[in-house]
Every structure is written in structure tokens, then in C-alpha cells.
Amino acid sequence: MYLIDLEYQVPLEQVDAARDAHVAFLREQYAQGVFLFSGRKVPRSGGIILARGVTLDELDAILQKDPFRQQGLARYTVTEFVAGMTAPELAQFQEG
């Protein structure tokens, strides 16, 4: 699994202008089964995405398609982790 931390690099007005394209990108990755969760940080300085089922190289290729990345709106930090414990309702995501 991967925790993807987006940090905005531009004013929110620029982020908002690309939001619809970013949401379309997110929806595509949910449909592919790659993204599990996503949302804004509080305060709104970026976002978080939880992904699975791909290699790090595949994930990097996917993230290159994000309009936020293509337009230089956000910086991405990817952390790979193994979900060793989960809440019972999320047990299907536990890896080891």
C-alpha cells in the first residue's frame, strides 16, 4: 500500500481551477481499483491518497497523469507501507 501526500505549491485559486480535472483523474483510479481513499488536508494545504495493487513504478506512472502534477500545482511524497493491523471492517486490506 502507499500513502501519497500532496502539498500544494501554488495559491488555492490555481488548485481550484484544476480541481475538476483532478477529480476526473481520481475517479479513473478508483474505477481501476488503485485508489482506496482520498481527501483534503485540514487546513487545506494539500491532500492524501491511499493506493494499493500496483508497484511503485506503476504508481509513479499513474501519478504523472494527475493534472495537479502535470501543472506543477502540488508536490508528491509517496510512502510505501504494509497494513499489519486494520479495523475489522477493513480487514480485506490487511497485508501481514
PDB file of N, CA and C in Angstrom:
ATOM      1  N   MET A   1       0.846  -1.182   0.000  1.00  0.00           N
ATOM      2  CA  MET A   1       0.000   0.000   0.000  1.00  0.00           C
ATOM      3  C   MET A   1       0.883   1.234   0.000  1.00  0.00           C
ATOM      4  N   TYR A   2       0.285   2.327  -0.401  1.00  0.00           N
ATOM      5  CA  TYR A   2       1.022   3.587  -0.490  1.00  0.00           C
ATOM      6  C   TYR A   2       0.185   4.723   0.096  1.00  0.00           C
ATOM      7  N   LEU A   3       0.839   5.563   0.867  1.00  0.00           N
ATOM      8  CA  LEU A   3       0.257   6.809   1.328  1.00  0.00           C
ATOM      9  C   LEU A   3       0.875   7.904   0.465  1.00  0.00           C
ATOM     10  N   ILE A   4       0.039   8.632  -0.249  1.00  0.00           N
ATOM     11  CA  ILE A   4       0.502   9.694  -1.135  1.00  0.00           C
ATOM     12  C   ILE A   4       0.082  11.015  -0.501  1.00  0.00           C
ATOM     13  N   ASP A   5       1.066  11.831  -0.210  1.00  0.00           N
ATOM     14  CA  ASP A   5       0.851  13.114   0.451  1.00  0.00           C
ATOM     15  C   ASP A   5       1.092  14.217  -0.577  1.00  0.00           C
ATOM     16  N   LEU A   6       0.037  14.950  -0.906  1.00  0.00           N
ATOM     17  CA  LEU A   6       0.149  16.079  -1.830  1.00  0.00           C
ATOM     18  C   LEU A   6       0.263  17.360  -1.023  1.00  0.00           C
ATOM     19  N   GLU A   7       1.194  18.203  -1.422  1.00  0.00           N
ATOM     20  CA  GLU A   7       1.346  19.520  -0.797  1.00  0.00           C
ATOM     21  C   GLU A   7       1.261  20.566  -1.900  1.00  0.00           C
ATOM     22  N   TYR A   8       0.249  21.445  -1.797  1.00  0.00           N
ATOM     23  CA  TYR A   8       0.063  22.472  -2.815  1.00  0.00           C
ATOM     24  C   TYR A   8       1.271  23.399  -2.866  1.00  0.00           C
ATOM     25  N   GLN A   9       1.634  23.776  -4.082  1.00  0.00           N
ATOM     26  CA  GLN A   9       2.777  24.643  -4.312  1.00  0.00           C
ATOM     27  C   GLN A   9       2.370  26.009  -4.867  1.00  0.00           C
ATOM     28  N   VAL A  10       1.079  26.208  -5.027  1.00  0.00           N
ATOM     29  CA  VAL A  10       0.545  27.432  -5.635  1.00  0.00           C
ATOM     30  C   VAL A  10      -0.674  27.889  -4.832  1.00  0.00           C
ATOM     31  N   PRO A  11      -1.147  29.114  -5.068  1.00  0.00           N
ATOM     32  CA  PRO A  11      -2.360  29.583  -4.381  1.00  0.00           C
ATOM     33  C   PRO A  11      -3.566  28.690  -4.695  1.00  0.00           C
ATOM     34  N   LEU A  12      -4.500  28.630  -3.752  1.00  0.00           N
ATOM     35  CA  LEU A  12      -5.680  27.782  -3.892  1.00  0.00           C
ATOM     36  C   LEU A  12      -6.508  28.110  -5.135  1.00  0.00           C
ATOM     37  N   GLU A  13      -6.470  29.340  -5.604  1.00  0.00           N
ATOM     38  CA  GLU A  13      -7.220  29.692  -6.812  1.00  0.00           C
ATOM     39  C   GLU A  13      -6.749  28.859  -8.003  1.00  0.00           C
ATOM     40  N   GLN A  14      -5.452  28.623  -8.101  1.00  0.00           N
ATOM     41  CA  GLN A  14      -4.907  27.799  -9.184  1.00  0.00           C
ATOM     42  C   GLN A  14      -5.290  26.326  -8.988  1.00  0.00           C
ATOM     43  N   VAL A  15      -5.267  25.867  -7.751  1.00  0.00           N
ATOM     44  CA  VAL A  15      -5.671  24.499  -7.441  1.00  0.00           C
ATOM     45  C   VAL A  15      -7.138  24.307  -7.813  1.00  0.00           C
ATOM     46  N   ASP A  16      -7.985  25.242  -7.418  1.00  0.00           N
ATOM     47  CA  ASP A  16      -9.413  25.140  -7.696  1.00  0.00           C
ATOM     48  C   ASP A  16      -9.705  25.127  -9.198  1.00  0.00           C
ATOM     49  N   ALA A  17      -8.915  25.847  -9.972  1.00  0.00           N
ATOM     50  CA  ALA A  17      -9.120  25.892 -11.420  1.00  0.00           C
ATOM     51  C   ALA A  17      -8.878  24.527 -12.065  1.00  0.00           C
ATOM     52  N   ALA A  18      -8.044  23.698 -11.449  1.00  0.00           N
ATOM     53  CA  ALA A  18      -7.733  22.365 -11.990  1.00  0.00           C
ATOM     54  C   ALA A  18      -8.482  21.251 -11.264  1.00  0.00           C
ATOM     55  N   ARG A  19      -9.321  21.612 -10.321  1.00  0.00           N
ATOM     56  CA  ARG A  19      -9.975  20.613  -9.464  1.00  0.00           C
ATOM     57  C   ARG A  19     -10.817  19.614 -10.242  1.00  0.00           C
ATOM     58  N   ASP A  20     -11.623  20.056 -11.195  1.00  0.00           N
ATOM     59  CA  ASP A  20     -12.485  19.131 -11.938  1.00  0.00           C
ATOM     60  C   ASP A  20     -11.655  18.082 -12.682  1.00  0.00           C
ATOM     61  N   ALA A  21     -10.561  18.495 -13.289  1.00  0.00           N
ATOM     62  CA  ALA A  21      -9.693  17.554 -13.999  1.00  0.00           C
ATOM     63  C   ALA A  21      -9.033  16.591 -13.014  1.00  0.00           C
ATOM     64  N   HIS A  22      -8.646  17.088 -11.848  1.00  0.00           N
ATOM     65  CA  HIS A  22      -8.048  16.239 -10.812  1.00  0.00           C
ATOM     66  C   HIS A  22      -9.069  15.208 -10.323  1.00  0.00           C
ATOM     67  N   VAL A  23     -10.300  15.617 -10.094  1.00  0.00           N
ATOM     68  CA  VAL A  23     -11.345  14.700  -9.634  1.00  0.00           C
ATOM     69  C   VAL A  23     -11.611  13.634 -10.698  1.00  0.00           C
ATOM     70  N   ALA A  24     -11.598  13.998 -11.958  1.00  0.00           N
ATOM     71  CA  ALA A  24     -11.766  13.011 -13.034  1.00  0.00           C
ATOM     72  C   ALA A  24     -10.634  11.994 -12.996  1.00  0.00           C
ATOM     73  N   PHE A  25      -9.405  12.456 -12.761  1.00  0.00           N
ATOM     74  CA  PHE A  25      -8.262  11.563 -12.614  1.00  0.00           C
ATOM     75  C   PHE A  25      -8.469  10.618 -11.431  1.00  0.00           C
ATOM     76  N   LEU A  26      -8.908  11.142 -10.288  1.00  0.00           N
ATOM     77  CA  LEU A  26      -9.161  10.314  -9.116  1.00  0.00           C
ATOM     78  C   LEU A  26     -10.204   9.248  -9.421  1.00  0.00           C
ATOM     79  N   ARG A  27     -11.288   9.647 -10.048  1.00  0.00           N
ATOM     80  CA  ARG A  27     -12.369   8.698 -10.365  1.00  0.00           C
ATOM     81  C   ARG A  27     -11.865   7.564 -11.256  1.00  0.00           C
ATOM     82  N   GLU A  28     -11.014   7.888 -12.198  1.00  0.00           N
ATOM     83  CA  GLU A  28     -10.441   6.866 -13.076  1.00  0.00           C
ATOM     84  C   GLU A  28      -9.637   5.845 -12.266  1.00  0.00           C
ATOM     85  N   GLN A  29      -8.881   6.321 -11.292  1.00  0.00           N
ATOM     86  CA  GLN A  29      -8.056   5.420 -10.481  1.00  0.00           C
ATOM     87  C   GLN A  29      -8.910   4.603  -9.505  1.00  0.00           C
ATOM     88  N   TYR A  30     -10.001   5.167  -9.016  1.00  0.00           N
ATOM     89  CA  TYR A  30     -10.937   4.388  -8.200  1.00  0.00           C
ATOM     90  C   TYR A  30     -11.553   3.277  -9.057  1.00  0.00           C
ATOM     91  N   ALA A  31     -11.927   3.598 -10.282  1.00  0.00           N
ATOM     92  CA  ALA A  31     -12.530   2.606 -11.175  1.00  0.00           C
ATOM     93  C   ALA A  31     -11.548   1.475 -11.495  1.00  0.00           C
ATOM     94  N   GLN A  32     -10.262   1.796 -11.540  1.00  0.00           N
ATOM     95  CA  GLN A  32      -9.224   0.799 -11.797  1.00  0.00           C
ATOM     96  C   GLN A  32      -8.884  -0.021 -10.553  1.00  0.00           C
ATOM     97  N   GLY A  33      -9.403   0.414  -9.389  1.00  0.00           N
ATOM     98  CA  GLY A  33      -9.144  -0.297  -8.139  1.00  0.00           C
ATOM     99  C   GLY A  33      -7.820   0.058  -7.488  1.00  0.00           C
ATOM    100  N   VAL A  34      -7.195   1.136  -7.938  1.00  0.00           N
ATOM    101  CA  VAL A  34      -5.889   1.537  -7.391  1.00  0.00           C
ATOM    102  C   VAL A  34      -6.057   2.417  -6.160  1.00  0.00           C
ATOM    103  N   PHE A  35      -6.932   3.399  -6.212  1.00  0.00           N
ATOM    104  CA  PHE A  35      -7.117   4.311  -5.089  1.00  0.00           C
ATOM    105  C   PHE A  35      -8.219   3.792  -4.176  1.00  0.00           C
ATOM    106  N   LEU A  36      -7.953   3.837  -2.862  1.00  0.00           N
ATOM    107  CA  LEU A  36      -8.913   3.390  -1.853  1.00  0.00           C
ATOM    108  C   LEU A  36      -9.582   4.550  -1.139  1.00  0.00           C
ATOM    109  N   PHE A  37      -8.810   5.584  -0.839  1.00  0.00           N
ATOM    110  CA  PHE A  37      -9.295   6.759  -0.107  1.00  0.00           C
ATOM    111  C   PHE A  37      -8.579   7.978  -0.659  1.00  0.00           C
ATOM    112  N   SER A  38      -9.239   9.128  -0.587  1.00  0.00           N
ATOM    113  CA  SER A  38      -8.582  10.389  -0.913  1.00  0.00           C
ATOM    114  C   SER A  38      -9.348  11.511  -0.231  1.00  0.00           C
ATOM    115  N   GLY A  39      -8.663  12.608  -0.008  1.00  0.00           N
ATOM    116  CA  GLY A  39      -9.330  13.762   0.586  1.00  0.00           C
ATOM    117  C   GLY A  39      -8.369  14.899   0.866  1.00  0.00           C
ATOM    118  N   ARG A  40      -8.960  16.017   1.235  1.00  0.00           N
ATOM    119  CA  ARG A  40      -8.199  17.238   1.529  1.00  0.00           C
ATOM    120  C   ARG A  40      -7.590  17.174   2.917  1.00  0.00           C
ATOM    121  N   LYS A  41      -6.475  17.848   3.063  1.00  0.00           N
ATOM    122  CA  LYS A  41      -5.898  18.052   4.394  1.00  0.00           C
ATOM    123  C   LYS A  41      -6.650  19.202   5.065  1.00  0.00           C
ATOM    124  N   VAL A  42      -6.595  19.222   6.367  1.00  0.00           N
ATOM    125  CA  VAL A  42      -7.162  20.320   7.157  1.00  0.00           C
ATOM    126  C   VAL A  42      -6.048  20.858   8.033  1.00  0.00           C
ATOM    127  N   PRO A  43      -5.629  22.108   7.853  1.00  0.00           N
ATOM    128  CA  PRO A  43      -6.134  23.084   6.888  1.00  0.00           C
ATOM    129  C   PRO A  43      -5.802  22.666   5.455  1.00  0.00           C
ATOM    130  N   ARG A  44      -6.429  23.301   4.505  1.00  0.00           N
ATOM    131  CA  ARG A  44      -6.360  22.907   3.094  1.00  0.00           C
ATOM    132  C   ARG A  44      -5.013  23.296   2.472  1.00  0.00           C
ATOM    133  N   SER A  45      -4.026  22.480   2.739  1.00  0.00           N
ATOM    134  CA  SER A  45      -2.674  22.709   2.212  1.00  0.00           C
ATOM    135  C   SER A  45      -2.276  21.634   1.217  1.00  0.00           C
ATOM    136  N   GLY A  46      -3.182  20.689   0.956  1.00  0.00           N
ATOM    137  CA  GLY A  46      -2.899  19.587   0.045  1.00  0.00           C
ATOM    138  C   GLY A  46      -3.915  18.490   0.253  1.00  0.00           C
ATOM    139  N   GLY A  47      -3.491  17.252  -0.028  1.00  0.00           N
ATOM    140  CA  GLY A  47      -4.401  16.133   0.109  1.00  0.00           C
ATOM    141  C   GLY A  47      -3.662  14.850   0.410  1.00  0.00           C
ATOM    142  N   ILE A  48      -4.435  13.811   0.671  1.00  0.00           N
ATOM    143  CA  ILE A  48      -3.912  12.481   0.969  1.00  0.00           C
ATOM    144  C   ILE A  48      -4.644  11.479   0.083  1.00  0.00           C
ATOM    145  N   ILE A  49      -3.889  10.518  -0.453  1.00  0.00           N
ATOM    146  CA  ILE A  49      -4.462   9.420  -1.232  1.00  0.00           C
ATOM    147  C   ILE A  49      -3.890   8.124  -0.677  1.00  0.00           C
ATOM    148  N   LEU A  50      -4.724   7.104  -0.553  1.00  0.00           N
ATOM    149  CA  LEU A  50      -4.267   5.772  -0.180  1.00  0.00           C
ATOM    150  C   LEU A  50      -4.457   4.888  -1.405  1.00  0.00           C
ATOM    151  N   ALA A  51      -3.372   4.211  -1.815  1.00  0.00           N
ATOM    152  CA  ALA A  51      -3.401   3.398  -3.034  1.00  0.00           C
ATOM    153  C   ALA A  51      -2.867   2.004  -2.751  1.00  0.00           C
ATOM    154  N   ARG A  52      -3.226   1.065  -3.645  1.00  0.00           N
ATOM    155  CA  ARG A  52      -2.741  -0.312  -3.488  1.00  0.00           C
ATOM    156  C   ARG A  52      -2.797  -1.031  -4.828  1.00  0.00           C
ATOM    157  N   GLY A  53      -2.156  -2.226  -4.862  1.00  0.00           N
ATOM    158  CA  GLY A  53      -2.297  -3.112  -6.002  1.00  0.00           C
ATOM    159  C   GLY A  53      -1.423  -2.816  -7.193  1.00  0.00           C
ATOM    160  N   VAL A  54      -0.453  -1.916  -7.026  1.00  0.00           N
ATOM    161  CA  VAL A  54       0.469  -1.583  -8.107  1.00  0.00           C
ATOM    162  C   VAL A  54       1.880  -1.519  -7.539  1.00  0.00           C
ATOM    163  N   THR A  55       2.860  -1.584  -8.418  1.00  0.00           N
ATOM    164  CA  THR A  55       4.241  -1.391  -7.988  1.00  0.00           C
ATOM    165  C   THR A  55       4.504   0.099  -7.837  1.00  0.00           C
ATOM    166  N   LEU A  56       5.605   0.418  -7.217  1.00  0.00           N
ATOM    167  CA  LEU A  56       5.976   1.828  -7.057  1.00  0.00           C
ATOM    168  C   LEU A  56       6.172   2.489  -8.416  1.00  0.00           C
ATOM    169  N   ASP A  57       6.783   1.777  -9.359  1.00  0.00           N
ATOM    170  CA  ASP A  57       6.961   2.337 -10.706  1.00  0.00           C
ATOM    171  C   ASP A  57       5.614   2.568 -11.384  1.00  0.00           C
ATOM    172  N   GLU A  58       4.692   1.631 -11.225  1.00  0.00           N
ATOM    173  CA  GLU A  58       3.356   1.806 -11.807  1.00  0.00           C
ATOM    174  C   GLU A  58       2.636   2.986 -11.172  1.00  0.00           C
ATOM    175  N   LEU A  59       2.772   3.123  -9.853  1.00  0.00           N
ATOM    176  CA  LEU A  59       2.137   4.242  -9.166  1.00  0.00           C
ATOM    177  C   LEU A  59       2.713   5.561  -9.649  1.00  0.00           C
ATOM    178  N   ASP A  60       4.020   5.621  -9.818  1.00  0.00           N
ATOM    179  CA  ASP A  60       4.642   6.852 -10.308  1.00  0.00           C
ATOM    180  C   ASP A  60       4.095   7.214 -11.689  1.00  0.00           C
ATOM    181  N   ALA A  61       3.939   6.224 -12.561  1.00  0.00           N
ATOM    182  CA  ALA A  61       3.382   6.477 -13.890  1.00  0.00           C
ATOM    183  C   ALA A  61       1.941   6.981 -13.791  1.00  0.00           C
ATOM    184  N   ILE A  62       1.170   6.418 -12.874  1.00  0.00           N
ATOM    185  CA  ILE A  62      -0.208   6.863 -12.661  1.00  0.00           C
ATOM    186  C   ILE A  62      -0.223   8.308 -12.186  1.00  0.00           C
ATOM    187  N   LEU A  63       0.609   8.626 -11.197  1.00  0.00           N
ATOM    188  CA  LEU A  63       0.618   9.980 -10.634  1.00  0.00           C
ATOM    189  C   LEU A  63       1.082  11.020 -11.649  1.00  0.00           C
ATOM    190  N   GLN A  64       1.858  10.610 -12.632  1.00  0.00           N
ATOM    191  CA  GLN A  64       2.282  11.539 -13.690  1.00  0.00           C
ATOM    192  C   GLN A  64       1.080  12.040 -14.500  1.00  0.00           C
ATOM    193  N   LYS A  65      -0.027  11.308 -14.460  1.00  0.00           N
ATOM    194  CA  LYS A  65      -1.236  11.684 -15.206  1.00  0.00           C
ATOM    195  C   LYS A  65      -2.128  12.649 -14.442  1.00  0.00           C
ATOM    196  N   ASP A  66      -1.833  12.885 -13.171  1.00  0.00           N
ATOM    197  CA  ASP A  66      -2.660  13.784 -12.354  1.00  0.00           C
ATOM    198  C   ASP A  66      -2.470  15.220 -12.837  1.00  0.00           C
ATOM    199  N   PRO A  67      -3.551  15.905 -13.198  1.00  0.00           N
ATOM    200  CA  PRO A  67      -3.432  17.293 -13.633  1.00  0.00           C
ATOM    201  C   PRO A  67      -2.721  18.187 -12.606  1.00  0.00           C
ATOM    202  N   PHE A  68      -2.902  17.907 -11.313  1.00  0.00           N
ATOM    203  CA  PHE A  68      -2.195  18.703 -10.306  1.00  0.00           C
ATOM    204  C   PHE A  68      -0.686  18.573 -10.489  1.00  0.00           C
ATOM    205  N   ARG A  69      -0.220  17.371 -10.809  1.00  0.00           N
ATOM    206  CA  ARG A  69       1.213  17.163 -11.021  1.00  0.00           C
ATOM    207  C   ARG A  69       1.648  17.730 -12.366  1.00  0.00           C
ATOM    208  N   GLN A  70       0.867  17.482 -13.403  1.00  0.00           N
ATOM    209  CA  GLN A  70       1.210  17.955 -14.739  1.00  0.00           C
ATOM    210  C   GLN A  70       1.343  19.470 -14.794  1.00  0.00           C
ATOM    211  N   GLN A  71       0.536  20.157 -13.993  1.00  0.00           N
ATOM    212  CA  GLN A  71       0.555  21.627 -13.989  1.00  0.00           C
ATOM    213  C   GLN A  71       1.463  22.204 -12.903  1.00  0.00           C
ATOM    214  N   GLY A  72       2.159  21.344 -12.171  1.00  0.00           N
ATOM    215  CA  GLY A  72       3.070  21.816 -11.126  1.00  0.00           C
ATOM    216  C   GLY A  72       2.364  22.435  -9.939  1.00  0.00           C
ATOM    217  N   LEU A  73       1.127  21.988  -9.659  1.00  0.00           N
ATOM    218  CA  LEU A  73       0.338  22.579  -8.586  1.00  0.00           C
ATOM    219  C   LEU A  73       0.635  21.961  -7.223  1.00  0.00           C
ATOM    220  N   ALA A  74       1.132  20.715  -7.225  1.00  0.00           N
ATOM    221  CA  ALA A  74       1.346  20.009  -5.961  1.00  0.00           C
ATOM    222  C   ALA A  74       2.654  19.223  -6.021  1.00  0.00           C
ATOM    223  N   ARG A  75       3.257  19.066  -4.851  1.00  0.00           N
ATOM    224  CA  ARG A  75       4.429  18.206  -4.669  1.00  0.00           C
ATOM    225  C   ARG A  75       3.920  16.907  -4.063  1.00  0.00           C
ATOM    226  N   TYR A  76       4.461  15.775  -4.490  1.00  0.00           N
ATOM    227  CA  TYR A  76       4.005  14.465  -4.067  1.00  0.00           C
ATOM    228  C   TYR A  76       5.088  13.759  -3.263  1.00  0.00           C
ATOM    229  N   THR A  77       4.697  13.218  -2.119  1.00  0.00           N
ATOM    230  CA  THR A  77       5.565  12.355  -1.329  1.00  0.00           C
ATOM    231  C   THR A  77       4.845  11.015  -1.199  1.00  0.00           C
ATOM    232  N   VAL A  78       5.508   9.944  -1.610  1.00  0.00           N
ATOM    233  CA  VAL A  78       4.912   8.611  -1.578  1.00  0.00           C
ATOM    234  C   VAL A  78       5.616   7.782  -0.518  1.00  0.00           C
ATOM    235  N   THR A  79       4.844   7.202   0.387  1.00  0.00           N
ATOM    236  CA  THR A  79       5.371   6.315   1.429  1.00  0.00           C
ATOM    237  C   THR A  79       4.725   4.950   1.253  1.00  0.00           C
ATOM    238  N   GLU A  80       5.557   3.934   1.044  1.00  0.00           N
ATOM    239  CA  GLU A  80       5.046   2.577   0.951  1.00  0.00           C
ATOM    240  C   GLU A  80       4.957   1.994   2.356  1.00  0.00           C
ATOM    241  N   PHE A  81       3.890   1.239   2.640  1.00  0.00           N
ATOM    242  CA  PHE A  81       3.744   0.617   3.949  1.00  0.00           C
ATOM    243  C   PHE A  81       2.976  -0.685   3.829  1.00  0.00           C
ATOM    244  N   VAL A  82       3.087  -1.506   4.864  1.00  0.00           N
ATOM    245  CA  VAL A  82       2.349  -2.759   4.956  1.00  0.00           C
ATOM    246  C   VAL A  82       1.297  -2.581   6.037  1.00  0.00           C
ATOM    247  N   ALA A  83       0.035  -2.783   5.689  1.00  0.00           N
ATOM    248  CA  ALA A  83      -1.051  -2.658   6.657  1.00  0.00           C
ATOM    249  C   ALA A  83      -1.080  -3.923   7.511  1.00  0.00           C
ATOM    250  N   GLY A  84      -0.443  -3.871   8.662  1.00  0.00           N
ATOM    251  CA  GLY A  84      -0.364  -5.019   9.554  1.00  0.00           C
ATOM    252  C   GLY A  84      -1.570  -5.176  10.453  1.00  0.00           C
ATOM    253  N   MET A  85      -2.264  -4.080  10.699  1.00  0.00           N
ATOM    254  CA  MET A  85      -3.493  -4.114  11.512  1.00  0.00           C
ATOM    255  C   MET A  85      -4.514  -3.202  10.855  1.00  0.00           C
ATOM    256  N   THR A  86      -5.777  -3.583  10.974  1.00  0.00           N
ATOM    257  CA  THR A  86      -6.859  -2.756  10.453  1.00  0.00           C
ATOM    258  C   THR A  86      -8.069  -2.876  11.372  1.00  0.00           C
ATOM    259  N   ALA A  87      -8.988  -1.965  11.217  1.00  0.00           N
ATOM    260  CA  ALA A  87     -10.300  -2.120  11.846  1.00  0.00           C
ATOM    261  C   ALA A  87     -10.968  -3.325  11.198  1.00  0.00           C
ATOM    262  N   PRO A  88     -11.821  -4.033  11.927  1.00  0.00           N
ATOM    263  CA  PRO A  88     -12.446  -5.248  11.372  1.00  0.00           C
ATOM    264  C   PRO A  88     -13.110  -5.035  10.014  1.00  0.00           C
ATOM    265  N   GLU A  89     -13.754  -3.919   9.824  1.00  0.00           N
ATOM    266  CA  GLU A  89     -14.450  -3.681   8.559  1.00  0.00           C
ATOM    267  C   GLU A  89     -13.503  -3.414   7.391  1.00  0.00           C
ATOM    268  N   LEU A  90     -12.208  -3.248   7.686  1.00  0.00           N
ATOM    269  CA  LEU A  90     -11.206  -3.022   6.634  1.00  0.00           C
ATOM    270  C   LEU A  90     -10.221  -4.189   6.527  1.00  0.00           C
ATOM    271  N   ALA A  91     -10.550  -5.325   7.113  1.00  0.00           N
ATOM    272  CA  ALA A  91      -9.633  -6.474   7.176  1.00  0.00           C
ATOM    273  C   ALA A  91      -9.164  -6.930   5.796  1.00  0.00           C
ATOM    274  N   GLN A  92      -9.941  -6.718   4.774  1.00  0.00           N
ATOM    275  CA  GLN A  92      -9.541  -7.123   3.422  1.00  0.00           C
ATOM    276  C   GLN A  92      -8.284  -6.408   2.947  1.00  0.00           C
ATOM    277  N   PHE A  93      -7.927  -5.299   3.595  1.00  0.00           N
ATOM    278  CA  PHE A  93      -6.747  -4.542   3.187  1.00  0.00           C
ATOM    279  C   PHE A  93      -5.506  -4.897   3.987  1.00  0.00           C
ATOM    280  N   GLN A  94      -5.649  -5.714   4.989  1.00  0.00           N
ATOM    281  CA  GLN A  94      -4.519  -6.115   5.839  1.00  0.00           C
ATOM    282  C   GLN A  94      -3.577  -6.993   5.027  1.00  0.00           C
ATOM    283  N   GLU A  95      -2.288  -6.705   5.111  1.00  0.00           N
ATOM    284  CA  GLU A  95      -1.300  -7.409   4.298  1.00  0.00           C
ATOM    285  C   GLU A  95      -0.469  -8.404   5.087  1.00  0.00           C
ATOM    286  N   GLY A  96      -0.329  -8.226   6.355  1.00  0.00           N
ATOM    287  CA  GLY A  96       0.543  -9.158   7.050  1.00  0.00           C
ATOM    288  C   GLY A  96       0.689  -8.916   8.501  1.00  0.00           C
TER     289      GLY A  96
END
